[in-house]
């Protein structure tokens, strides 16, 4: 995991929840955690890490993840044992 991934991880765990995290940075973080990004129908996407999955929609037209997506993704990270 490089410094950009660590910065993204730190941003995800900040409170109050940030709304300026690029969704592509979250995807890159999943790949850095040896996970997979699975394209689904339309804007749907599935992240798979350590046999756990997280499904959501890519935000559009904006490129930033919505606050609720960051909060749910934070819970997903905690579930798989990833902390700051």
Protein backbone atom coordinates (compact mmCIF):
# COMPACT_ATOMS: atom_id res chain seq x y z
CA UNK A 1 0.00 0.00 0.00
CA UNK A 2 1.53 3.30 -1.05
CA UNK A 3 1.14 6.74 0.53
CA UNK A 4 -1.84 7.69 -1.67
CA UNK A 5 -3.72 4.58 -0.51
CA UNK A 6 -2.90 5.39 3.12
CA UNK A 7 -4.18 8.94 2.61
CA UNK A 8 -7.43 7.59 1.12
CA UNK A 9 -7.80 5.19 4.04
CA UNK A 10 -7.24 8.01 6.51
CA UNK A 11 -9.83 10.15 4.69
CA UNK A 12 -12.39 7.35 4.88
CA UNK A 13 -11.99 7.12 8.67
CA UNK A 14 -12.21 10.87 9.30
CA UNK A 15 -15.15 12.31 11.19
CA UNK A 16 -17.24 14.08 10.18
CA UNK A 17 -17.51 12.00 7.04
CA UNK A 18 -15.88 13.62 4.05
CA UNK A 19 -17.69 14.12 0.76
CA UNK A 20 -14.65 14.90 -1.38
CA UNK A 21 -13.12 11.42 -1.72
CA UNK A 22 -12.79 10.39 -5.35
CA UNK A 23 -14.52 7.09 -6.00
CA UNK A 24 -11.58 6.03 -8.18
CA UNK A 25 -9.34 6.37 -5.10
CA UNK A 26 -11.61 3.95 -3.22
CA UNK A 27 -11.37 1.50 -6.12
CA UNK A 28 -7.56 1.82 -6.08
CA UNK A 29 -7.56 1.16 -2.32
CA UNK A 30 -9.55 -2.05 -2.82
CA UNK A 31 -7.01 -3.24 -5.39
CA UNK A 32 -4.15 -2.35 -3.01
CA UNK A 33 -5.81 -4.56 -0.37
CA UNK A 34 -5.55 -7.48 -2.85
CA UNK A 35 -9.23 -7.18 -3.62
CA UNK A 36 -11.16 -7.27 -6.86
CA UNK A 37 -13.39 -4.70 -8.53
CA UNK A 38 -16.17 -6.45 -10.42
CA UNK A 39 -18.14 -4.50 -13.01
CA UNK A 40 -21.84 -5.22 -12.99
CA UNK A 41 -24.84 -3.85 -14.90
CA UNK A 42 -24.89 -0.12 -15.57
CA UNK A 43 -23.12 1.83 -12.84
CA UNK A 44 -23.23 -1.05 -10.38
CA UNK A 45 -19.95 -2.30 -8.99
CA UNK A 46 -18.87 -4.97 -6.51
CA UNK A 47 -15.74 -4.93 -4.37
CA UNK A 48 -14.48 -8.29 -3.11
CA UNK A 49 -11.85 -8.42 -0.36
CA UNK A 50 -11.08 -11.46 1.83
CA UNK A 51 -14.20 -13.31 0.64
CA UNK A 52 -16.43 -10.40 1.72
CA UNK A 53 -18.21 -8.27 -0.82
CA UNK A 54 -19.53 -4.73 -0.93
CA UNK A 55 -21.97 -3.65 -3.65
CA UNK A 56 -22.77 -0.09 -4.64
CA UNK A 57 -23.27 2.25 -7.57
CA UNK A 58 -20.59 4.48 -8.99
CA UNK A 59 -21.59 8.07 -8.33
CA UNK A 60 -22.54 10.09 -11.37
CA UNK A 61 -22.29 12.69 -12.75
CA UNK A 62 -19.95 13.67 -9.89
CA UNK A 63 -16.80 11.62 -9.36
CA UNK A 64 -16.77 11.89 -5.57
CA UNK A 65 -18.23 9.22 -3.35
CA UNK A 66 -21.33 10.27 -1.50
CA UNK A 67 -21.16 10.52 2.30
CA UNK A 68 -23.37 7.48 2.83
CA UNK A 69 -21.15 5.44 0.50
CA UNK A 70 -18.04 6.42 2.48
CA UNK A 71 -19.78 5.49 5.76
CA UNK A 72 -20.91 2.09 4.47
CA UNK A 73 -17.50 1.42 2.94
CA UNK A 74 -15.90 2.30 6.30
CA UNK A 75 -18.09 -0.35 7.94
CA UNK A 76 -17.04 -2.82 5.23
CA UNK A 77 -13.36 -2.11 5.95
CA UNK A 78 -13.90 -2.63 9.68
CA UNK A 79 -15.71 -5.91 8.92
CA UNK A 80 -12.69 -7.24 7.04
CA UNK A 81 -10.28 -6.04 9.73
CA UNK A 82 -8.84 -2.94 8.05
CA UNK A 83 -8.33 0.08 10.28
CA UNK A 84 -6.29 3.22 10.01
